[in-house]
Amino acid sequence: MTEHTNIPLPGDEPEDGKKGEGSAESSLFERASGAFGFDPFKPSPIKGKLPEREMKRAKVRAAQSAATEKKAAEAQQPQSAPAESVEQPTAMPAQVLPVPVPPSDIVVHQDVGSIALAGKKFPVDREFLYEQGLIVPEGAVTALIEEFRIVKRQLLKAAQDRGTALSRRVLICSPHPGEGKTFCAANLAIAMAAERDSEVLLVDADFAKPSILSTLGLPKGPGFMDCLADPSIRPEDLVIGTDIPGLWVLPAGNQTNSDSEYLSSDRTREVLDRLTIGAPNRMVIFDTPPALSASPAAELAKHVGQALLIARADKTGQSALEDACQLLSACPDIKLLLNAAQFSPSGRNFGSYYGYGG
C-alpha cells in the first residue's frame, strides 16, 4: 500500500521547479495518474480516419430526367426561332394500395321465394282416425292432444330459435319396428297443422314399408323416391293436399332397391332445399324406417336439424337407444319421446281439466 503522505498535495512544487502532474495547478486525477501509473490504460491512438459509409442516393425518376433533357434541348435552340410548344409530362396519379380488411363473420341472406304447395286435396276420414287412436282435428281436447302439444312446442321453439331451413326438418324414428314411430309422426303432423299461419308437410320416407297414406286414408301415388330418381320431376308436383287445414303429405313413391344410395346423393339436398328454403312457416316431418333395421334413417339424418327418437315403454332397451343415437349422430339435435307409457311418476293426467278422462 502507498502511504497517503507520498501523494503530492496541492501547493507542493517539484524539485526542478517545473509544472507537472504533482503541481498545485494539476487536478487530483492527474496527480493520482502520476502516482499510480494510470497512463498504460489510455486508448491507443487511431492512425488516420475511419472510412466513411457510402450514402444511399435517391434515384431520379425517369419522368423528371426526360423533362430535364427536353429543357436542355430547348435552351440550345437559337433565339430567333419560335419556341415550339412542348407538352409537359403529366404527373402520374399516386397508386392507392388496397387496405387489408380483418376477417369477420358476414352472413349473406339469399332472397329465395318459397315454393307453394298446391296439390289436389283429398278428405281425411275423421272416424278412421279415431279408430286408430289418432288425434281428430276439430275434436274435443284429449290427453293425447295435450301431450303432443307439449312435444310440438319444443320442436317449434328450437326451429324458431335457430331460424334455418335445416331446423324446420324433423326426423321421426325408432330403434326397432312396432315402437310407434308412424303413430307419433301422424299425430305430431296433425298437432302442428293446428298452428295459426303455418303449414306442415308430412313425408313418408319409409320406402320399404310406407304406411302414411293408409294411416290417413289417402290414395296411393308417386312421391319422394320418384323425384329423387328423376331430376326432371319437381317434388311440389307430387304433394297431396288434405282437408285438414295446413296439412300436406308427400308419399313414399315407387319402391326401389337403391333407396339408401338415392338419399346419399346431391339430389336429396336439392329436393329438400326446394321444399323448405324461403318458407319459414313450413315444418317438414319425415317418417323413416327403424334406425337399427334399415339404413335410410341414418342417411336422412344428415339433412335434418332435429330428430325425435321414439322409445316404447317396457319394450325399447337402453342399448338399442344408444345404438340408434349413434346412427343418427349426423343430426345436431336428437330428442327422446317415451311412447305407450301407462304410469306417470308426477301423477299428471292431461285432458281431465277439459272434462276428458273423468
Protein backbone atom coordinates (compact mmCIF):
# COMPACT_ATOMS: atom_id res chain seq x y z
CA MET A 1 0.00 0.00 0.00
CA THR A 2 1.23 3.52 -0.78
CA GLU A 3 1.11 5.88 2.12
CA HIS A 4 -1.02 8.96 1.66
CA THR A 5 1.96 11.08 2.64
CA ASN A 6 3.63 10.15 -0.64
CA ILE A 7 0.73 11.63 -2.70
CA PRO A 8 1.61 15.20 -3.66
CA LEU A 9 -0.73 17.74 -2.16
CA PRO A 10 -1.89 20.99 -3.70
CA GLY A 11 0.82 23.65 -3.35
CA ASP A 12 3.73 21.20 -3.48
CA GLU A 13 6.19 22.11 -6.25
CA PRO A 14 8.57 19.68 -7.83
CA GLU A 15 12.23 19.98 -7.13
CA ASP A 16 13.12 21.00 -10.69
CA GLY A 17 10.59 23.83 -10.48
CA LYS A 18 8.62 22.66 -13.49
CA LYS A 19 4.89 22.22 -13.56
CA GLY A 20 3.97 18.58 -13.52
CA GLU A 21 1.24 16.17 -12.54
CA GLY A 22 2.02 16.81 -8.87
CA SER A 23 1.87 20.57 -9.16
CA ALA A 24 -0.66 22.67 -7.45
CA GLU A 25 -2.31 23.54 -10.75
CA SER A 26 -2.84 19.93 -11.75
CA SER A 27 -6.04 18.15 -10.84
CA LEU A 28 -6.42 15.32 -8.37
CA PHE A 29 -6.88 12.77 -11.18
CA GLU A 30 -3.72 13.98 -12.90
CA ARG A 31 -1.74 13.68 -9.68
CA ALA A 32 -3.20 10.23 -8.99
CA SER A 33 -2.30 9.17 -12.52
CA GLY A 34 1.26 10.25 -11.99
CA ALA A 35 1.48 8.49 -8.64
CA PHE A 36 -0.19 5.18 -9.53
CA GLY A 37 0.61 4.96 -13.23
CA PHE A 38 -2.79 5.02 -14.99
CA ASP A 39 -1.23 6.04 -18.32
CA PRO A 40 -0.92 2.46 -19.71
CA PHE A 41 -4.72 2.21 -19.68
CA LYS A 42 -5.19 5.04 -22.13
CA PRO A 43 -6.65 4.06 -25.53
CA SER A 44 -4.14 3.76 -28.31
CA PRO A 45 -4.27 6.48 -30.92
CA ILE A 46 -6.02 5.74 -34.20
CA LYS A 47 -3.93 6.29 -37.30
CA GLY A 48 -5.83 8.08 -39.99
CA LYS A 49 -9.60 8.38 -40.29
CA LEU A 50 -12.20 5.67 -40.38
CA PRO A 51 -13.69 5.03 -43.82
CA GLU A 52 -16.97 6.80 -44.30
CA ARG A 53 -20.09 4.74 -45.01
CA GLU A 54 -21.39 5.03 -48.50
CA MET A 55 -24.59 7.05 -48.55
CA LYS A 56 -27.61 5.78 -50.42
CA ARG A 57 -28.65 8.26 -53.03
CA ALA A 58 -32.17 8.57 -54.33
CA LYS A 59 -32.74 7.62 -57.91
CA VAL A 60 -34.14 10.29 -60.14
CA ARG A 61 -37.45 9.33 -61.71
CA ALA A 62 -37.43 8.67 -65.41
CA ALA A 63 -40.13 11.28 -65.97
CA GLN A 64 -38.04 14.01 -64.30
CA SER A 65 -34.88 13.11 -66.25
CA ALA A 66 -36.80 13.20 -69.53
CA ALA A 67 -38.18 16.63 -68.65
CA THR A 68 -34.66 17.88 -67.86
CA GLU A 69 -33.35 16.68 -71.23
CA LYS A 70 -36.17 18.46 -73.07
CA LYS A 71 -35.48 21.72 -71.27
CA ALA A 72 -31.78 21.44 -72.16
CA ALA A 73 -32.65 20.85 -75.82
CA GLU A 74 -34.88 23.95 -75.86
CA ALA A 75 -32.10 26.08 -74.36
CA GLN A 76 -29.71 25.08 -77.19
CA GLN A 77 -32.15 26.28 -79.90
CA PRO A 78 -31.44 29.74 -81.49
CA GLN A 79 -33.25 32.74 -80.04
CA SER A 80 -34.75 33.78 -83.42
CA ALA A 81 -36.60 30.53 -83.91
CA PRO A 82 -40.07 30.48 -82.37
CA ALA A 83 -40.27 28.23 -79.41
CA GLU A 84 -42.30 25.18 -80.08
CA SER A 85 -44.85 24.22 -77.54
CA VAL A 86 -43.55 21.28 -75.63
CA GLU A 87 -46.07 19.08 -73.96
CA GLN A 88 -45.22 18.75 -70.32
CA PRO A 89 -45.24 15.29 -68.87
CA THR A 90 -48.39 14.56 -66.97
CA ALA A 91 -47.85 13.59 -63.39
CA MET A 92 -48.88 10.02 -62.77
CA PRO A 93 -51.55 9.68 -60.10
CA ALA A 94 -50.41 8.03 -56.94
CA GLN A 95 -51.49 4.43 -56.70
CA VAL A 96 -53.61 3.63 -53.65
CA LEU A 97 -52.88 0.19 -52.33
CA PRO A 98 -55.84 -1.81 -51.02
CA VAL A 99 -56.11 -1.76 -47.26
CA PRO A 100 -56.39 -5.25 -45.78
CA VAL A 101 -59.72 -5.84 -44.06
CA PRO A 102 -59.69 -8.04 -40.96
CA PRO A 103 -61.76 -11.22 -41.27
CA SER A 104 -65.29 -11.05 -39.91
CA ASP A 105 -68.40 -13.21 -39.83
CA ILE A 106 -70.51 -11.90 -42.69
CA VAL A 107 -73.89 -13.51 -43.20
CA VAL A 108 -75.40 -13.15 -46.66
CA HIS A 109 -79.15 -13.68 -46.71
CA GLN A 110 -80.32 -15.07 -50.01
CA ASP A 111 -83.70 -13.85 -51.14
CA VAL A 112 -85.40 -17.05 -52.23
CA GLY A 113 -89.12 -17.27 -52.78
CA SER A 114 -90.95 -20.19 -51.21
CA ILE A 115 -92.36 -22.98 -53.36
CA ALA A 116 -96.12 -23.00 -52.91
CA LEU A 117 -97.80 -26.34 -52.22
CA ALA A 118 -100.89 -26.59 -54.39
CA GLY A 119 -101.58 -30.29 -54.84
CA LYS A 120 -105.02 -31.80 -55.18
CA LYS A 121 -106.76 -32.10 -51.82
CA PHE A 122 -108.39 -35.27 -50.51
CA PRO A 123 -110.64 -35.69 -47.45
CA VAL A 124 -109.36 -37.45 -44.34
CA ASP A 125 -111.83 -39.75 -42.61
CA ARG A 126 -112.14 -38.48 -39.02
CA GLU A 127 -113.82 -41.68 -37.80
CA PHE A 128 -110.94 -43.72 -39.17
CA LEU A 129 -108.50 -41.51 -37.26
CA TYR A 130 -110.48 -42.04 -34.07
CA GLU A 131 -110.48 -45.82 -34.53
CA GLN A 132 -106.69 -45.82 -34.80
CA GLY A 133 -106.33 -43.70 -31.67
CA LEU A 134 -105.02 -40.68 -33.58
CA ILE A 135 -105.80 -37.02 -32.95
CA VAL A 136 -109.08 -35.99 -34.52
CA PRO A 137 -108.94 -32.44 -35.91
CA GLU A 138 -111.64 -30.08 -34.64
CA GLY A 139 -112.46 -32.66 -31.96
CA ALA A 140 -112.56 -32.40 -28.21
CA VAL A 141 -109.40 -31.77 -26.23
CA THR A 142 -107.97 -35.07 -25.09
CA ALA A 143 -104.95 -36.24 -23.16
CA LEU A 144 -103.31 -37.25 -26.47
CA ILE A 145 -103.73 -33.76 -27.89
CA GLU A 146 -102.25 -32.15 -24.78
CA GLU A 147 -99.26 -34.47 -24.83
CA PHE A 148 -98.44 -33.75 -28.47
CA ARG A 149 -98.98 -30.05 -27.88
CA ILE A 150 -96.07 -30.19 -25.44
CA VAL A 151 -93.97 -32.19 -27.91
CA LYS A 152 -94.62 -29.88 -30.86
CA ARG A 153 -93.91 -26.78 -28.75
CA GLN A 154 -90.38 -27.99 -28.07
CA LEU A 155 -89.75 -28.66 -31.77
CA LEU A 156 -91.25 -25.37 -32.92
CA LYS A 157 -89.26 -23.40 -30.35
CA ALA A 158 -85.98 -24.99 -31.47
CA ALA A 159 -86.79 -24.24 -35.11
CA GLN A 160 -87.70 -20.64 -34.31
CA ASP A 161 -84.58 -20.03 -32.22
CA ARG A 162 -82.24 -21.28 -34.95
CA GLY A 163 -84.23 -19.82 -37.82
CA THR A 164 -82.74 -22.09 -40.50
CA ALA A 165 -84.32 -24.33 -43.12
CA LEU A 166 -82.45 -27.28 -41.61
CA SER A 167 -84.01 -26.75 -38.18
CA ARG A 168 -87.50 -26.92 -39.70
CA ARG A 169 -86.90 -30.51 -40.83
CA VAL A 170 -87.77 -33.11 -38.18
CA LEU A 171 -86.96 -36.82 -38.47
CA ILE A 172 -89.21 -39.31 -36.64
CA CYS A 173 -87.55 -42.67 -36.00
CA SER A 174 -87.40 -45.62 -33.60
CA PRO A 175 -84.77 -48.27 -32.95
CA HIS A 176 -86.97 -51.25 -33.88
CA PRO A 177 -90.31 -51.81 -35.67
CA GLY A 178 -93.53 -51.72 -33.69
CA GLU A 179 -92.47 -48.92 -31.32
CA GLY A 180 -94.93 -46.32 -32.64
CA LYS A 181 -92.91 -44.07 -34.97
CA THR A 182 -95.68 -43.71 -37.59
CA PHE A 183 -98.28 -43.18 -34.85
CA CYS A 184 -96.20 -40.34 -33.40
CA ALA A 185 -95.37 -38.86 -36.82
CA ALA A 186 -99.03 -38.66 -37.84
CA ASN A 187 -100.17 -37.20 -34.50
CA LEU A 188 -97.34 -34.67 -34.49
CA ALA A 189 -98.20 -33.54 -38.02
CA ILE A 190 -101.89 -33.09 -37.16
CA ALA A 191 -100.99 -31.19 -33.98
CA MET A 192 -98.60 -28.86 -35.83
CA ALA A 193 -101.14 -28.22 -38.57
CA ALA A 194 -103.39 -26.63 -35.94
CA GLU A 195 -100.87 -23.78 -35.55
CA ARG A 196 -102.05 -20.47 -36.96
CA ASP A 197 -100.27 -19.13 -40.07
CA SER A 198 -98.25 -22.31 -40.56
CA GLU A 199 -98.27 -25.49 -42.59
CA VAL A 200 -96.85 -28.99 -42.20
CA LEU A 201 -95.53 -31.35 -44.86
CA LEU A 202 -95.56 -34.99 -43.74
CA VAL A 203 -93.09 -37.02 -45.85
CA ASP A 204 -93.28 -40.81 -45.94
CA ALA A 205 -89.59 -41.80 -46.07
CA ASP A 206 -90.18 -45.46 -45.14
CA PHE A 207 -89.72 -46.70 -48.70
CA ALA A 208 -89.76 -50.42 -47.86
CA LYS A 209 -92.99 -50.32 -45.82
CA PRO A 210 -94.82 -46.99 -46.41
CA SER A 211 -97.83 -46.51 -44.13
CA ILE A 212 -98.64 -42.78 -44.00
CA LEU A 213 -101.17 -42.90 -46.84
CA SER A 214 -103.01 -45.89 -45.36
CA THR A 215 -102.98 -44.30 -41.89
CA LEU A 216 -104.66 -41.14 -43.17
CA GLY A 217 -106.83 -42.92 -45.75
CA LEU A 218 -105.27 -41.15 -48.77
CA PRO A 219 -104.88 -42.62 -52.30
CA LYS A 220 -101.55 -44.01 -53.49
CA GLY A 221 -99.38 -42.20 -55.99
CA PRO A 222 -95.80 -41.22 -56.93
CA GLY A 223 -93.77 -39.49 -54.28
CA PHE A 224 -90.43 -38.82 -52.63
CA MET A 225 -88.40 -41.63 -54.22
CA ASP A 226 -89.65 -40.78 -57.70
CA CYS A 227 -88.34 -37.21 -57.60
CA LEU A 228 -85.03 -38.44 -56.17
CA ALA A 229 -84.60 -40.88 -59.06
CA ASP A 230 -85.74 -38.46 -61.77
CA PRO A 231 -84.28 -34.90 -61.62
CA SER A 232 -86.92 -33.65 -64.05
CA ILE A 233 -89.72 -34.25 -61.50
CA ARG A 234 -90.48 -31.39 -59.13
CA PRO A 235 -91.34 -32.50 -55.58
CA GLU A 236 -94.11 -29.92 -55.16
CA ASP A 237 -95.98 -31.59 -58.05
CA LEU A 238 -96.20 -34.85 -56.07
CA VAL A 239 -97.52 -33.35 -52.82
CA ILE A 240 -101.05 -34.38 -51.82
CA GLY A 241 -103.32 -31.92 -50.02
CA THR A 242 -105.81 -32.79 -47.27
CA ASP A 243 -108.95 -31.19 -45.96
CA ILE A 244 -107.12 -30.67 -42.67
CA PRO A 245 -106.05 -27.02 -42.85
CA GLY A 246 -102.27 -26.70 -43.14
CA LEU A 247 -101.53 -30.44 -43.58
CA TRP A 248 -99.80 -31.73 -46.74
CA VAL A 249 -98.43 -35.21 -47.49
CA LEU A 250 -95.62 -36.40 -49.78
CA PRO A 251 -95.96 -40.16 -50.41
CA ALA A 252 -93.00 -42.52 -50.40
CA GLY A 253 -93.34 -43.31 -54.11
CA ASN A 254 -92.30 -46.41 -56.01
CA GLN A 255 -90.11 -48.92 -54.20
CA THR A 256 -86.50 -49.45 -55.20
CA ASN A 257 -83.50 -51.46 -54.05
CA SER A 258 -81.26 -48.37 -54.03
CA ASP A 259 -83.12 -46.13 -51.61
CA SER A 260 -80.03 -45.52 -49.44
CA GLU A 261 -77.91 -44.62 -52.48
CA TYR A 262 -80.51 -42.14 -53.70
CA LEU A 263 -80.69 -40.50 -50.27
CA SER A 264 -76.91 -40.07 -50.14
CA SER A 265 -76.81 -38.23 -53.50
CA ASP A 266 -76.81 -34.45 -54.04
CA ARG A 267 -80.32 -34.70 -55.43
CA THR A 268 -81.69 -35.18 -51.90
CA ARG A 269 -80.32 -31.81 -50.81
CA GLU A 270 -81.80 -30.12 -53.87
CA VAL A 271 -85.26 -31.59 -53.24
CA LEU A 272 -85.32 -30.72 -49.54
CA ASP A 273 -84.00 -27.20 -50.14
CA ARG A 274 -86.75 -26.66 -52.68
CA LEU A 275 -89.35 -27.66 -50.09
CA THR A 276 -88.01 -25.65 -47.14
CA ILE A 277 -85.84 -22.68 -48.22
CA GLY A 278 -87.84 -19.47 -48.29
CA ALA A 279 -90.72 -20.99 -46.29
CA PRO A 280 -90.16 -20.01 -42.63
CA ASN A 281 -93.68 -21.14 -41.64
CA ARG A 282 -93.38 -24.64 -43.09
CA MET A 283 -92.34 -27.64 -40.99
CA VAL A 284 -91.31 -30.88 -42.73
CA ILE A 285 -91.73 -34.16 -40.81
CA PHE A 286 -90.11 -37.39 -42.07
CA ASP A 287 -91.42 -40.82 -41.11
CA THR A 288 -88.35 -43.03 -41.61
CA PRO A 289 -87.65 -46.76 -41.21
CA PRO A 290 -86.35 -48.03 -37.85
CA ALA A 291 -82.74 -46.98 -37.37
CA LEU A 292 -81.49 -50.47 -36.43
CA SER A 293 -83.41 -52.20 -39.22
CA ALA A 294 -82.63 -50.09 -42.32
CA SER A 295 -80.06 -47.51 -43.39
CA PRO A 296 -82.25 -44.67 -44.85
CA ALA A 297 -82.77 -43.13 -41.40
CA ALA A 298 -79.03 -42.60 -40.92
CA GLU A 299 -78.69 -41.11 -44.41
CA LEU A 300 -81.64 -38.78 -43.96
CA ALA A 301 -80.29 -37.64 -40.57
CA LYS A 302 -77.62 -35.68 -42.48
CA HIS A 303 -80.31 -33.43 -43.99
CA VAL A 304 -82.40 -32.59 -40.90
CA GLY A 305 -81.85 -30.29 -37.95
CA GLN A 306 -83.94 -32.19 -35.38
CA ALA A 307 -84.66 -35.85 -34.71
CA LEU A 308 -87.30 -37.41 -32.48
CA LEU A 309 -86.33 -40.93 -31.38
CA ILE A 310 -89.34 -42.97 -30.21
CA ALA A 311 -88.88 -45.38 -27.30
CA ARG A 312 -91.76 -47.67 -26.36
CA ALA A 313 -92.25 -48.19 -22.63
CA ASP A 314 -91.31 -51.66 -21.33
CA LYS A 315 -90.02 -52.66 -24.79
CA THR A 316 -87.17 -50.47 -26.04
CA GLY A 317 -83.88 -51.25 -24.31
CA GLN A 318 -81.17 -48.83 -23.34
CA SER A 319 -78.58 -50.40 -25.63
CA ALA A 320 -80.96 -50.10 -28.59
CA LEU A 321 -81.45 -46.40 -27.87
CA GLU A 322 -77.71 -45.85 -27.61
CA ASP A 323 -77.07 -47.63 -30.92
CA ALA A 324 -79.85 -45.67 -32.63
CA CYS A 325 -78.48 -42.36 -31.33
CA GLN A 326 -75.06 -43.30 -32.69
CA LEU A 327 -76.52 -43.97 -36.15
CA LEU A 328 -78.41 -40.65 -36.09
CA SER A 329 -75.42 -38.68 -34.79
CA ALA A 330 -75.27 -36.63 -38.01
CA CYS A 331 -78.32 -34.76 -36.71
CA PRO A 332 -77.25 -32.00 -34.28
CA ASP A 333 -80.36 -32.25 -32.05
CA ILE A 334 -81.80 -35.64 -31.03
CA LYS A 335 -84.74 -35.78 -28.62
CA LEU A 336 -86.31 -38.84 -26.98
CA LEU A 337 -90.04 -39.49 -26.78
CA LEU A 338 -91.45 -42.17 -24.49
CA ASN A 339 -94.45 -43.84 -26.12
CA ALA A 340 -97.22 -46.02 -24.60
CA ALA A 341 -96.37 -45.11 -21.01
CA GLN A 342 -99.10 -46.18 -18.55
CA PHE A 343 -97.56 -44.76 -15.38
CA SER A 344 -96.68 -41.17 -14.58
CA PRO A 345 -94.47 -40.57 -11.52
CA SER A 346 -95.74 -36.98 -11.29
CA GLY A 347 -99.39 -38.07 -11.43
CA ARG A 348 -100.16 -35.93 -14.49
CA ASN A 349 -103.49 -36.51 -16.20
CA PHE A 350 -103.70 -34.37 -19.31
CA GLY A 351 -107.17 -33.65 -20.62
CA SER A 352 -109.02 -34.05 -17.32
CA TYR A 353 -109.16 -30.28 -16.88
CA TYR A 354 -111.27 -30.10 -20.06
CA GLY A 355 -113.62 -32.83 -18.97
CA TYR A 356 -111.82 -35.77 -20.58
CA GLY A 357 -110.70 -38.80 -18.63
CA GLY A 358 -113.08 -38.44 -15.67
